[in-house]
N, C-alpha and C. Protein backbone atom coordinates (compact mmCIF):
# COMPACT_ATOMS: atom_id res chain seq x y z
N MET A 1 -8.98 12.28 12.56
CA MET A 1 -7.26 11.65 12.43
C MET A 1 -6.50 12.07 13.23
N ALA A 2 -5.92 11.00 14.29
CA ALA A 2 -5.26 11.48 15.73
C ALA A 2 -3.39 11.74 15.53
N LEU A 3 -2.74 12.96 15.19
CA LEU A 3 -1.20 13.25 15.70
C LEU A 3 -0.47 12.24 16.27
N THR A 4 0.65 11.59 16.53
CA THR A 4 1.29 11.90 17.77
C THR A 4 2.38 11.29 17.20
N ARG A 5 4.14 11.90 18.00
CA ARG A 5 4.83 11.59 18.23
C ARG A 5 4.96 9.58 18.04
N VAL A 6 5.89 9.58 17.18
CA VAL A 6 6.62 8.51 17.74
C VAL A 6 6.80 7.57 18.59
N LYS A 7 6.96 6.99 19.43
CA LYS A 7 7.83 6.40 20.40
C LYS A 7 9.18 5.60 19.70
N PRO A 8 10.44 6.21 20.09
CA PRO A 8 11.33 5.33 19.87
C PRO A 8 11.35 3.95 19.40
N GLU A 9 11.16 3.22 20.24
CA GLU A 9 11.11 1.96 21.19
C GLU A 9 9.78 0.93 20.86
N ASP A 10 9.51 1.72 19.76
CA ASP A 10 7.91 1.91 18.78
C ASP A 10 7.87 1.81 17.61
N CYS A 11 8.67 2.26 16.99
CA CYS A 11 9.22 2.82 16.00
C CYS A 11 9.24 1.72 14.79
N VAL A 12 8.98 1.62 13.63
CA VAL A 12 8.61 0.25 12.70
C VAL A 12 9.47 0.72 11.69
N SER A 13 9.37 2.03 11.20
CA SER A 13 9.70 3.08 10.24
C SER A 13 11.08 1.75 10.41
N LEU A 14 12.40 2.21 11.22
CA LEU A 14 13.46 2.73 10.99
C LEU A 14 14.38 0.63 10.69
N THR A 15 12.82 0.12 11.08
CA THR A 15 13.11 -1.47 11.48
C THR A 15 12.95 -1.93 9.95
N LEU A 16 11.96 -1.36 9.11
CA LEU A 16 11.56 -1.47 7.59
C LEU A 16 12.82 -0.45 6.73
N PHE A 17 13.27 -0.25 6.88
CA PHE A 17 14.24 0.87 6.41
C PHE A 17 15.27 0.65 6.44
N GLU A 18 15.80 -0.41 7.29
CA GLU A 18 17.31 -1.08 7.35
C GLU A 18 17.09 -2.88 6.90
N ARG A 19 15.52 -3.16 6.63
CA ARG A 19 15.60 -4.31 5.88
C ARG A 19 15.97 -4.22 4.52
N ILE A 20 15.31 -2.82 3.95
CA ILE A 20 15.10 -2.57 2.76
C ILE A 20 16.55 -2.08 2.00
N ALA A 21 17.54 -1.45 3.03
CA ALA A 21 19.01 -0.98 2.68
C ALA A 21 19.83 -2.37 3.19
N GLY A 22 19.47 -3.24 3.88
CA GLY A 22 20.61 -4.53 4.01
C GLY A 22 20.82 -4.44 4.73
N ALA A 23 20.97 -3.19 5.56
CA ALA A 23 22.74 -2.85 6.55
C ALA A 23 21.68 -1.66 7.56
N SER A 24 22.72 -1.70 8.60
CA SER A 24 22.31 -0.46 9.59
C SER A 24 22.45 0.83 8.94
N LEU A 25 20.86 1.78 9.48
CA LEU A 25 21.41 3.28 8.99
C LEU A 25 21.34 4.03 10.14
N PRO A 26 22.34 4.92 9.79
CA PRO A 26 23.04 5.62 11.03
C PRO A 26 21.66 6.91 11.35
N GLU A 27 22.09 8.38 12.17
CA GLU A 27 21.55 9.19 12.09
C GLU A 27 19.26 8.72 13.21
N ARG A 28 19.96 7.72 13.43
CA ARG A 28 18.25 6.95 14.03
C ARG A 28 18.03 7.98 14.72
N ASP A 29 17.90 8.98 15.11
CA ASP A 29 17.90 9.98 16.36
C ASP A 29 17.12 11.15 15.65
N ARG A 30 18.37 11.68 14.49
CA ARG A 30 17.94 12.04 13.57
C ARG A 30 16.57 11.62 12.77
N VAL A 31 16.77 11.11 13.05
CA VAL A 31 15.28 10.08 12.10
C VAL A 31 13.95 9.97 12.80
N LEU A 32 14.13 9.75 14.13
CA LEU A 32 13.18 9.38 14.91
C LEU A 32 12.34 10.57 15.46
N ALA A 33 13.26 11.70 16.19
CA ALA A 33 12.84 13.28 15.60
C ALA A 33 11.99 13.33 14.38
N SER A 34 12.03 12.87 13.54
CA SER A 34 10.65 13.46 12.46
C SER A 34 9.72 12.64 12.00
N ILE A 35 9.29 11.56 12.61
CA ILE A 35 8.27 10.32 12.57
C ILE A 35 6.94 10.45 13.27
N ASP A 36 6.54 10.81 12.82
CA ASP A 36 4.74 10.82 13.83
C ASP A 36 4.58 9.89 13.27
N ARG A 37 3.02 9.91 14.26
CA ARG A 37 2.19 8.17 14.24
C ARG A 37 1.01 9.32 14.02
N ILE A 38 0.17 8.43 12.90
CA ILE A 38 -0.96 9.05 13.00
C ILE A 38 -1.75 7.50 12.70
N ASP A 39 -3.02 8.03 13.00
CA ASP A 39 -4.26 7.15 14.00
C ASP A 39 -5.62 7.25 12.83
N VAL A 40 -5.77 6.66 11.92
CA VAL A 40 -7.01 6.98 11.41
C VAL A 40 -8.26 5.68 11.11
N GLY A 41 -9.57 6.58 11.34
CA GLY A 41 -10.33 5.65 11.23
C GLY A 41 -10.51 5.24 10.00
N ALA A 42 -11.74 4.51 10.38
CA ALA A 42 -11.87 3.95 8.66
C ALA A 42 -12.41 4.43 8.28
N GLY A 43 -12.36 4.78 6.58
CA GLY A 43 -13.55 5.80 5.30
C GLY A 43 -12.35 6.75 5.69
N GLU A 44 -11.30 7.50 6.42
CA GLU A 44 -11.20 8.74 6.95
C GLU A 44 -9.92 8.35 5.60
N ALA A 45 -9.57 9.72 4.79
CA ALA A 45 -8.51 10.21 3.80
C ALA A 45 -7.00 11.07 4.94
N VAL A 46 -6.11 9.69 4.04
CA VAL A 46 -4.87 10.04 4.64
C VAL A 46 -4.31 11.69 3.97
N PHE A 47 -4.64 11.16 2.75
CA PHE A 47 -4.59 12.59 1.42
C PHE A 47 -4.95 12.11 0.31
N ARG A 48 -5.07 13.90 -0.38
CA ARG A 48 -6.60 13.28 -1.36
C ARG A 48 -5.62 13.80 -2.57
N GLN A 49 -6.10 12.56 -3.80
CA GLN A 49 -5.87 13.76 -5.11
C GLN A 49 -5.42 14.46 -5.62
N ASP A 50 -4.33 14.95 -6.16
CA ASP A 50 -3.90 16.75 -5.75
C ASP A 50 -3.57 17.50 -4.84
N ASP A 51 -3.41 17.06 -3.16
CA ASP A 51 -2.94 17.67 -2.11
C ASP A 51 -1.47 17.91 -2.90
N PRO A 52 -0.71 18.73 -1.82
CA PRO A 52 1.20 18.56 -2.23
C PRO A 52 1.17 17.69 -1.29
N HIS A 53 1.98 16.58 -0.97
CA HIS A 53 1.90 15.88 -0.13
C HIS A 53 3.23 15.19 0.53
N PRO A 54 4.76 15.69 0.47
CA PRO A 54 5.67 15.16 0.09
C PRO A 54 6.11 14.36 1.36
N LEU A 55 5.30 13.11 1.50
CA LEU A 55 5.73 12.31 2.66
C LEU A 55 5.52 11.10 2.12
N VAL A 56 6.02 10.81 3.22
CA VAL A 56 6.19 8.91 3.02
C VAL A 56 5.96 8.16 4.40
N TYR A 57 4.69 6.96 4.08
CA TYR A 57 3.98 6.22 5.62
C TYR A 57 4.75 5.20 4.90
N VAL A 58 4.93 4.48 6.70
CA VAL A 58 4.99 2.73 6.92
C VAL A 58 3.55 2.32 7.40
N VAL A 59 2.42 1.73 6.82
CA VAL A 59 1.71 1.26 7.75
C VAL A 59 2.30 0.68 8.93
N ARG A 60 1.41 0.82 10.57
CA ARG A 60 1.56 0.02 11.44
C ARG A 60 0.58 -1.15 11.78
N GLN A 61 -0.77 -1.11 11.29
CA GLN A 61 -1.94 -1.58 11.38
C GLN A 61 -2.66 -0.80 10.88
N GLY A 62 -3.32 -2.45 10.12
CA GLY A 62 -4.53 -1.48 8.80
C GLY A 62 -4.98 -1.82 7.98
N LEU A 63 -4.98 -1.49 7.22
CA LEU A 63 -5.47 -1.48 5.39
C LEU A 63 -5.80 -0.31 4.75
N LEU A 64 -5.27 -0.28 3.79
CA LEU A 64 -6.11 1.19 3.00
C LEU A 64 -5.88 0.71 1.16
N LYS A 65 -6.70 1.92 1.24
CA LYS A 65 -6.81 1.48 -0.72
C LYS A 65 -6.52 3.03 -1.17
N PHE A 66 -5.82 3.23 -2.27
CA PHE A 66 -5.54 4.36 -3.30
C PHE A 66 -6.64 4.32 -4.42
N THR A 67 -7.12 5.51 -4.90
CA THR A 67 -7.91 5.46 -5.36
C THR A 67 -7.34 6.55 -7.09
N TYR A 68 -8.04 6.71 -7.89
CA TYR A 68 -7.67 8.35 -8.80
C TYR A 68 -9.31 8.41 -8.95
N LEU A 69 -9.57 9.44 -8.96
CA LEU A 69 -10.72 10.18 -9.55
C LEU A 69 -11.08 10.30 -10.49
N ARG A 70 -11.67 9.33 -11.34
CA ARG A 70 -12.05 10.22 -12.89
C ARG A 70 -12.47 11.47 -13.34
N ALA A 71 -13.17 12.05 -14.41
CA ALA A 71 -13.39 13.16 -14.59
C ALA A 71 -14.94 12.85 -14.79
N ASP A 72 -15.62 11.98 -14.11
CA ASP A 72 -17.20 11.89 -14.53
C ASP A 72 -16.92 11.75 -13.08
N GLY A 73 -16.96 11.37 -12.27
CA GLY A 73 -16.70 11.42 -10.67
C GLY A 73 -16.10 10.35 -9.71
N GLU A 74 -16.28 9.48 -11.16
CA GLU A 74 -16.42 7.66 -9.93
C GLU A 74 -14.84 7.46 -9.76
N GLU A 75 -14.31 6.68 -9.16
CA GLU A 75 -13.11 5.83 -8.28
C GLU A 75 -12.42 4.48 -9.33
N TRP A 76 -11.27 5.13 -9.30
CA TRP A 76 -10.79 3.54 -9.92
C TRP A 76 -9.73 3.46 -8.51
N ILE A 77 -9.64 1.84 -8.35
CA ILE A 77 -8.90 1.88 -7.15
C ILE A 77 -7.92 1.01 -7.38
N LYS A 78 -6.85 1.38 -7.51
CA LYS A 78 -5.35 1.69 -8.11
C LYS A 78 -4.57 0.14 -7.24
N SER A 79 -5.19 0.68 -6.03
CA SER A 79 -3.97 -0.63 -5.10
C SER A 79 -4.42 -0.80 -3.63
N PHE A 80 -4.23 -1.45 -2.66
CA PHE A 80 -4.72 -1.84 -1.23
C PHE A 80 -2.73 -1.94 -0.72
N VAL A 81 -2.68 -1.03 0.14
CA VAL A 81 -1.60 -1.90 1.45
C VAL A 81 -2.45 -1.94 2.54
N ALA A 82 -1.30 -3.03 3.17
CA ALA A 82 -1.37 -3.07 4.50
C ALA A 82 -0.26 -3.62 5.56
N GLU A 83 0.60 -4.09 7.25
CA GLU A 83 0.47 -3.76 7.59
C GLU A 83 2.39 -4.63 6.99
N GLY A 84 3.57 -3.88 7.35
CA GLY A 84 4.79 -4.03 7.41
C GLY A 84 4.72 -3.06 5.77
N GLN A 85 4.17 -2.15 4.64
CA GLN A 85 4.88 -2.03 3.59
C GLN A 85 4.11 -0.42 3.67
N PHE A 86 5.16 0.22 2.64
CA PHE A 86 5.04 1.94 2.23
C PHE A 86 4.95 2.12 1.39
N PHE A 87 4.49 3.46 1.79
CA PHE A 87 3.56 4.17 0.29
C PHE A 87 4.18 5.91 0.49
N GLY A 88 3.21 6.60 -1.10
CA GLY A 88 3.94 7.44 -1.58
C GLY A 88 3.48 7.80 -2.41
N SER A 89 2.91 9.00 -2.47
CA SER A 89 2.45 9.26 -4.12
C SER A 89 4.55 9.43 -4.95
N LEU A 90 4.69 9.28 -5.67
CA LEU A 90 5.60 9.55 -6.68
C LEU A 90 5.87 11.20 -7.02
N SER A 91 4.67 11.26 -7.53
CA SER A 91 4.64 12.69 -7.82
C SER A 91 4.82 13.73 -7.12
N ALA A 92 4.24 13.34 -5.70
CA ALA A 92 4.35 14.61 -5.17
C ALA A 92 5.92 14.45 -4.24
N LEU A 93 6.32 13.55 -4.33
CA LEU A 93 7.51 13.32 -3.30
C LEU A 93 8.51 14.44 -4.20
N VAL A 94 8.28 14.76 -5.75
CA VAL A 94 9.01 15.10 -6.36
C VAL A 94 8.43 16.79 -6.33
N ALA A 95 8.03 17.75 -5.46
CA ALA A 95 7.75 18.94 -5.56
C ALA A 95 6.20 18.80 -6.03
N GLY A 96 5.64 18.40 -6.54
CA GLY A 96 3.95 17.71 -7.24
C GLY A 96 3.14 17.40 -6.48
N ARG A 97 2.45 17.15 -6.72
CA ARG A 97 0.49 17.35 -5.91
C ARG A 97 0.80 15.65 -6.20
N ALA A 98 -0.28 14.64 -4.81
CA ALA A 98 -0.92 13.93 -5.61
C ALA A 98 -1.37 13.30 -6.39
N SER A 99 -1.09 11.91 -6.76
CA SER A 99 -1.69 11.41 -7.75
C SER A 99 -3.14 11.11 -7.74
N PHE A 100 -2.76 10.41 -6.17
CA PHE A 100 -4.03 9.61 -5.96
C PHE A 100 -4.59 9.98 -4.50
N THR A 101 -5.77 9.10 -4.17
CA THR A 101 -6.39 9.50 -2.60
C THR A 101 -6.38 8.32 -2.33
N VAL A 102 -5.67 8.31 -0.95
CA VAL A 102 -5.06 6.88 0.38
C VAL A 102 -6.36 7.80 1.16
N THR A 103 -7.16 5.90 1.29
CA THR A 103 -8.49 6.37 2.40
C THR A 103 -8.30 4.80 2.99
N ALA A 104 -8.37 4.98 4.61
CA ALA A 104 -8.48 3.84 5.17
C ALA A 104 -9.46 3.51 5.19
N ILE A 105 -9.80 1.59 4.46
CA ILE A 105 -10.85 0.57 4.75
C ILE A 105 -10.78 0.12 5.96
N GLU A 106 -9.65 0.54 7.42
CA GLU A 106 -10.40 -0.78 8.01
C GLU A 106 -8.96 0.94 9.14
N ALA A 107 -9.34 1.18 10.88
CA ALA A 107 -8.99 1.48 11.26
C ALA A 107 -7.45 1.07 11.48
N SER A 108 -6.98 2.58 11.06
CA SER A 108 -5.03 2.60 10.75
C SER A 108 -4.26 3.13 11.15
N SER A 109 -2.93 2.05 11.99
CA SER A 109 -2.21 3.45 12.44
C SER A 109 -1.04 3.85 11.47
N LEU A 110 -0.62 4.51 10.96
CA LEU A 110 0.64 4.57 10.05
C LEU A 110 1.60 5.25 10.65
N GLU A 111 2.79 5.28 10.20
CA GLU A 111 3.71 6.21 10.59
C GLU A 111 4.13 7.39 9.38
N ARG A 112 5.02 8.64 9.60
CA ARG A 112 5.33 9.20 8.12
C ARG A 112 6.44 10.68 8.79
N LEU A 113 6.93 10.56 7.09
CA LEU A 113 8.06 11.46 7.63
C LEU A 113 8.27 12.02 6.16
N PRO A 114 9.14 13.24 6.23
CA PRO A 114 9.12 14.23 5.14
C PRO A 114 10.44 13.32 3.78
N PHE A 115 9.78 13.20 3.01
CA PHE A 115 10.67 12.67 2.10
C PHE A 115 12.14 13.47 1.74
N PHE A 116 11.92 15.08 2.40
CA PHE A 116 13.53 15.74 1.72
C PHE A 116 13.92 14.74 2.90
N LEU A 117 14.19 14.75 3.98
CA LEU A 117 14.86 14.04 5.28
C LEU A 117 15.33 13.09 3.93
N LEU A 118 14.85 11.96 3.80
CA LEU A 118 15.55 10.66 3.27
C LEU A 118 16.89 11.20 2.04
N GLU A 119 15.38 11.78 1.71
CA GLU A 119 16.71 12.76 0.21
C GLU A 119 18.21 12.77 0.90
N ASP A 120 18.08 14.08 1.94
CA ASP A 120 18.92 14.46 2.15
C ASP A 120 20.22 13.47 3.07
N LEU A 121 19.19 12.51 3.58
CA LEU A 121 20.20 11.86 3.98
C LEU A 121 20.69 10.38 3.21
N ALA A 122 20.02 10.24 1.80
CA ALA A 122 20.50 9.46 0.84
C ALA A 122 21.99 10.11 0.42
N ASP A 123 21.75 11.07 -0.01
CA ASP A 123 22.84 12.58 -0.21
C ASP A 123 24.55 11.87 0.80
N ARG A 124 24.14 11.85 1.97
CA ARG A 124 25.27 11.51 2.68
C ARG A 124 25.94 10.74 2.77
N ASP A 125 24.93 9.62 3.21
CA ASP A 125 24.94 8.64 3.68
C ASP A 125 25.12 6.89 2.09
N LEU A 126 26.04 6.17 2.12
CA LEU A 126 25.70 5.35 0.92
C LEU A 126 24.88 4.49 1.79
N ALA A 127 24.20 3.91 3.01
CA ALA A 127 23.47 3.05 3.26
C ALA A 127 22.38 3.53 2.98
N TRP A 128 22.26 4.33 3.63
CA TRP A 128 20.89 5.48 2.91
C TRP A 128 20.15 5.92 1.72
N SER A 129 21.27 6.16 0.75
CA SER A 129 21.82 5.85 -0.51
C SER A 129 20.84 4.83 -0.94
N ARG A 130 21.67 3.56 -1.08
CA ARG A 130 20.93 2.27 -1.63
C ARG A 130 19.51 1.97 -0.25
N MET A 131 19.26 2.59 0.57
CA MET A 131 17.66 2.32 0.96
C MET A 131 16.72 2.89 0.23
N LEU A 132 16.99 4.38 -0.04
CA LEU A 132 16.19 5.42 -1.02
C LEU A 132 15.76 4.33 -2.34
N ARG A 133 16.97 4.08 -2.97
CA ARG A 133 17.21 3.54 -4.37
C ARG A 133 16.33 2.25 -3.94
N ASN A 134 16.93 1.20 -3.55
CA ASN A 134 16.34 0.54 -3.34
C ASN A 134 13.60 0.48 -2.78
N ALA A 135 14.11 1.32 -1.90
CA ALA A 135 12.69 1.60 -2.16
C ALA A 135 11.97 2.57 -3.20
N LEU A 136 12.78 3.03 -3.38
CA LEU A 136 11.72 3.75 -4.89
C LEU A 136 11.80 2.17 -5.80
N ILE A 137 12.81 2.27 -6.36
CA ILE A 137 12.23 0.12 -7.23
C ILE A 137 11.48 -0.41 -6.93
N ILE A 138 10.97 -0.55 -5.69
CA ILE A 138 9.85 -1.20 -4.95
C ILE A 138 8.53 -0.75 -5.45
N LEU A 139 8.48 0.55 -4.79
CA LEU A 139 7.45 0.98 -5.47
C LEU A 139 6.93 0.98 -7.20
N ALA A 140 8.07 1.15 -8.08
CA ALA A 140 8.01 1.25 -9.67
C ALA A 140 7.68 0.23 -9.96
N GLU A 141 7.98 -1.11 -8.92
CA GLU A 141 7.80 -2.62 -9.83
C GLU A 141 6.24 -2.70 -9.39
N ARG A 142 5.91 -2.39 -7.97
CA ARG A 142 4.72 -2.74 -7.61
C ARG A 142 3.62 -1.37 -8.48
N LYS A 143 4.25 -0.85 -9.26
CA LYS A 143 3.49 0.19 -9.76
C LYS A 143 2.87 -0.88 -11.48
N GLU A 144 4.04 -1.41 -11.87
CA GLU A 144 4.53 -2.01 -13.17
C GLU A 144 3.47 -3.04 -13.38
N ARG A 145 3.59 -3.88 -11.88
CA ARG A 145 3.02 -5.47 -11.64
C ARG A 145 1.21 -4.96 -11.88
N ARG A 146 1.23 -3.97 -11.19
CA ARG A 146 0.09 -4.35 -11.07
C ARG A 146 -0.74 -3.09 -12.77
N GLU A 147 -0.06 -2.26 -13.46
CA GLU A 147 -0.32 -2.88 -14.94
C GLU A 147 -0.07 -4.26 -16.31
N ARG A 148 0.91 -3.79 -15.55
CA ARG A 148 0.81 -4.95 -16.64
C ARG A 148 -0.43 -6.52 -16.35
N GLU A 149 -0.74 -6.26 -15.55
CA GLU A 149 -1.94 -7.68 -14.79
C GLU A 149 -3.13 -7.28 -15.09
N PHE A 150 -3.18 -5.67 -15.09
CA PHE A 150 -4.38 -5.17 -15.51
C PHE A 150 -4.90 -5.49 -17.09
N LEU A 151 -3.42 -5.08 -17.83
CA LEU A 151 -3.45 -5.14 -18.95
C LEU A 151 -3.28 -6.55 -19.62
N THR A 152 -3.30 -7.49 -19.04
CA THR A 152 -3.04 -8.83 -19.64
C THR A 152 -3.45 -10.00 -19.20
N LEU A 153 -3.54 -9.58 -17.90
CA LEU A 153 -5.32 -10.90 -17.02
C LEU A 153 -6.52 -10.23 -17.48
N THR A 154 -7.52 -11.58 -17.72
CA THR A 154 -8.81 -11.05 -17.18
C THR A 154 -9.27 -11.08 -16.19
N ALA A 155 -10.60 -10.39 -15.75
CA ALA A 155 -10.92 -10.29 -14.49
C ALA A 155 -10.52 -11.01 -13.08
N GLU A 156 -11.04 -12.28 -13.80
CA GLU A 156 -11.01 -14.07 -13.09
C GLU A 156 -9.11 -14.31 -12.92
N GLU A 157 -8.77 -14.44 -13.16
CA GLU A 157 -7.61 -14.55 -13.78
C GLU A 157 -6.41 -13.50 -12.70
N ARG A 158 -6.69 -12.16 -12.69
CA ARG A 158 -6.63 -11.31 -11.52
C ARG A 158 -6.81 -12.18 -10.52
N TYR A 159 -7.93 -12.37 -10.31
CA TYR A 159 -9.44 -12.90 -8.70
C TYR A 159 -7.94 -13.74 -8.39
N ARG A 160 -7.65 -15.12 -8.75
CA ARG A 160 -7.05 -16.23 -8.67
C ARG A 160 -5.92 -15.98 -8.50
N LEU A 161 -5.28 -14.76 -9.12
CA LEU A 161 -3.90 -14.47 -8.54
C LEU A 161 -3.76 -13.92 -7.19
N LEU A 162 -4.86 -13.40 -6.69
CA LEU A 162 -5.18 -13.26 -5.56
C LEU A 162 -5.03 -13.60 -4.30
N VAL A 163 -6.31 -14.86 -4.87
CA VAL A 163 -6.35 -16.35 -3.99
C VAL A 163 -5.56 -16.64 -3.88
N ARG A 164 -4.03 -16.99 -5.00
CA ARG A 164 -3.14 -17.31 -4.57
C ARG A 164 -2.04 -16.87 -3.11
N GLU A 165 -2.01 -15.51 -3.88
CA GLU A 165 -0.63 -14.28 -3.36
C GLU A 165 -1.53 -14.30 -2.53
N GLN A 166 -2.16 -13.84 -2.01
CA GLN A 166 -3.20 -12.11 -0.88
C GLN A 166 -4.01 -12.89 -0.12
N VAL A 167 -4.62 -14.38 -0.55
CA VAL A 167 -5.81 -15.05 0.53
C VAL A 167 -6.30 -14.86 1.66
N ALA A 168 -4.84 -14.23 2.65
CA ALA A 168 -5.96 -13.61 4.28
C ALA A 168 -5.57 -11.79 3.69
N LEU A 169 -6.06 -11.35 3.24
CA LEU A 169 -6.52 -10.06 2.31
C LEU A 169 -7.69 -9.94 2.02
N LEU A 170 -7.77 -10.60 1.05
CA LEU A 170 -8.87 -10.86 0.52
C LEU A 170 -10.75 -10.81 1.71
N GLY A 171 -9.99 -11.33 2.76
CA GLY A 171 -11.54 -12.02 3.98
C GLY A 171 -11.59 -9.94 4.55
N ARG A 172 -10.83 -9.33 3.75
CA ARG A 172 -10.50 -8.09 4.40
C ARG A 172 -11.14 -6.54 3.99
N ILE A 173 -11.18 -7.27 2.61
CA ILE A 173 -11.18 -6.37 1.83
C ILE A 173 -12.76 -6.57 0.97
N PRO A 174 -13.35 -5.36 1.30
CA PRO A 174 -15.40 -5.00 0.96
C PRO A 174 -15.24 -5.31 -0.28
N GLN A 175 -16.07 -6.05 -0.27
CA GLN A 175 -17.15 -6.88 -1.72
C GLN A 175 -16.52 -5.82 -3.25
N LYS A 176 -17.11 -4.55 -2.77
CA LYS A 176 -17.72 -3.67 -3.57
C LYS A 176 -15.81 -3.24 -3.95
N ASP A 177 -15.68 -2.75 -3.17
CA ASP A 177 -13.87 -2.70 -3.39
C ASP A 177 -13.18 -3.87 -4.66
N LEU A 178 -13.35 -4.31 -4.29
CA LEU A 178 -12.22 -5.50 -4.82
C LEU A 178 -13.01 -6.26 -5.63
N ALA A 179 -14.49 -5.39 -6.64
CA ALA A 179 -14.64 -5.97 -7.52
C ALA A 179 -14.30 -4.65 -8.40
N ALA A 180 -14.48 -3.83 -7.55
CA ALA A 180 -13.60 -2.13 -8.40
C ALA A 180 -12.37 -2.90 -8.77
N TYR A 181 -11.69 -3.16 -7.72
CA TYR A 181 -10.08 -2.90 -8.44
C TYR A 181 -9.28 -4.49 -9.23
N LEU A 182 -10.70 -5.23 -9.21
CA LEU A 182 -10.33 -5.92 -10.47
C LEU A 182 -11.80 -5.72 -12.24
N GLY A 183 -12.24 -4.62 -11.52
CA GLY A 183 -12.91 -3.76 -12.65
C GLY A 183 -14.07 -4.33 -13.33
N ILE A 184 -14.92 -4.74 -12.61
CA ILE A 184 -15.94 -5.99 -13.11
C ILE A 184 -16.86 -5.48 -11.41
N THR A 185 -18.22 -5.62 -11.73
CA THR A 185 -19.22 -5.66 -10.84
C THR A 185 -19.33 -6.45 -9.74
N PRO A 186 -19.88 -5.72 -8.64
CA PRO A 186 -20.12 -7.36 -7.74
C PRO A 186 -20.70 -8.45 -7.75
N VAL A 187 -21.33 -8.44 -9.29
CA VAL A 187 -22.36 -9.41 -9.21
C VAL A 187 -21.17 -10.68 -9.87
N GLY A 188 -20.19 -9.55 -10.98
CA GLY A 188 -19.14 -10.66 -11.56
C GLY A 188 -18.20 -11.07 -10.55
N LEU A 189 -18.13 -10.55 -9.64
CA LEU A 189 -17.09 -10.70 -8.60
C LEU A 189 -17.79 -12.24 -8.12
N SER A 190 -19.31 -11.57 -7.66
CA SER A 190 -19.68 -12.60 -7.03
C SER A 190 -19.67 -14.46 -7.87
N ARG A 191 -19.84 -14.47 -8.99
CA ARG A 191 -20.18 -15.36 -10.04
C ARG A 191 -18.84 -15.94 -10.13
N ILE A 192 -17.39 -15.55 -10.15
CA ILE A 192 -15.67 -15.65 -9.99
C ILE A 192 -16.08 -16.38 -8.94
N ALA A 193 -15.37 -15.76 -8.07
CA ALA A 193 -15.39 -16.37 -6.51
C ALA A 193 -16.04 -17.91 -5.86
N ARG A 194 -17.57 -17.74 -6.42
CA ARG A 194 -18.39 -18.99 -6.75
C ARG A 194 -17.74 -20.01 -7.47
N ARG A 195 -17.06 -19.50 -8.57
CA ARG A 195 -16.39 -20.41 -9.22
C ARG A 195 -15.46 -21.23 -8.30
N VAL A 196 -14.43 -19.91 -8.28
CA VAL A 196 -12.83 -20.81 -7.59
C VAL A 196 -13.33 -21.28 -6.90
N ARG A 197 -14.62 -21.28 -5.65
CA ARG A 197 -14.82 -21.74 -4.30
C ARG A 197 -14.89 -23.31 -4.79
N GLU A 198 -15.70 -23.24 -6.22
CA GLU A 198 -16.64 -25.00 -6.40
C GLU A 198 -15.21 -25.68 -6.73
N GLU A 199 -14.02 -24.83 -7.01
CA GLU A 199 -13.29 -26.20 -7.76
C GLU A 199 -12.37 -26.29 -6.97
N GLN A 200 -12.45 -25.24 -6.23
CA GLN A 200 -11.92 -26.04 -5.03
C GLN A 200 -11.79 -26.87 -4.43
N GLU A 201 -13.37 -26.68 -3.66
CA GLU A 201 -14.13 -27.79 -2.95
C GLU A 201 -13.63 -29.18 -4.09
N SER A 202 -13.98 -29.00 -5.39
CA SER A 202 -14.07 -30.34 -5.76
C SER A 202 -12.37 -31.30 -5.84
N ARG A 203 -11.53 -29.95 -5.77
CA ARG A 203 -10.54 -30.53 -5.80
C ARG A 203 -9.94 -31.64 -4.20
N ALA A 204 -10.27 -30.37 -3.62
CA ALA A 204 -10.56 -31.17 -1.90
C ALA A 204 -10.94 -32.41 -1.44
N ALA A 205 -12.19 -33.03 -2.51
CA ALA A 205 -12.66 -33.91 -1.64
C ALA A 205 -12.44 -35.08 -3.51
N LEU A 206 -11.40 -34.56 -4.11
CA LEU A 206 -10.52 -35.65 -4.80
C LEU A 206 -9.36 -36.27 -4.38
N ASN A 207 -8.30 -35.06 -3.47
CA ASN A 207 -7.91 -35.30 -2.31
C ASN A 207 -7.39 -34.54 -1.27
N PRO A 208 -9.09 -35.87 -0.16
CA PRO A 208 -9.12 -35.71 0.80
C PRO A 208 -8.15 -35.32 2.10
N GLY A 209 -6.64 -36.64 2.05
CA GLY A 209 -5.42 -36.45 2.99
C GLY A 209 -4.47 -35.60 1.91
């Protein structure tokens, strides 16, 4: 893992934060001075479950997976993040420890900054307060959506949802990770993918233009 200071003209975090806030944000120089760029290789962990890690990350480039380690040593894949998304362990952000592990699927470039800085800015400025509130809502909604899909949809329905909404991401996720995310075996995933593909090909044949 390589750590460098992010260049002001190359920073993506502030652009994302201002989009989340819906407004320009003050104290940019202070924020820029606290942002590090991290480059991680495929298979490297950004942080691990139970690490004290009160940091917020923005993905510049790459693809990462979040996993829970079960008592029996097996991993359960919580979610994936790619370019333009941000993340952090909420349990770690409130002076605790990370509840999951983050591992790079592809070589990835990230930016990170301490959560306490965002809290301090939010305490003193309305725009930063709005940004932090909206960011936490996004994280909570992402978690709630994953729980709802896993508890109310079948594995095939979850796969079809990914095909509709994140088809570009599917080609980047290894089959074993995608199967684990859906809660099925790689063989089961292969059957579902083949069925969906055949349906798409059949519709395309019936509607060539």
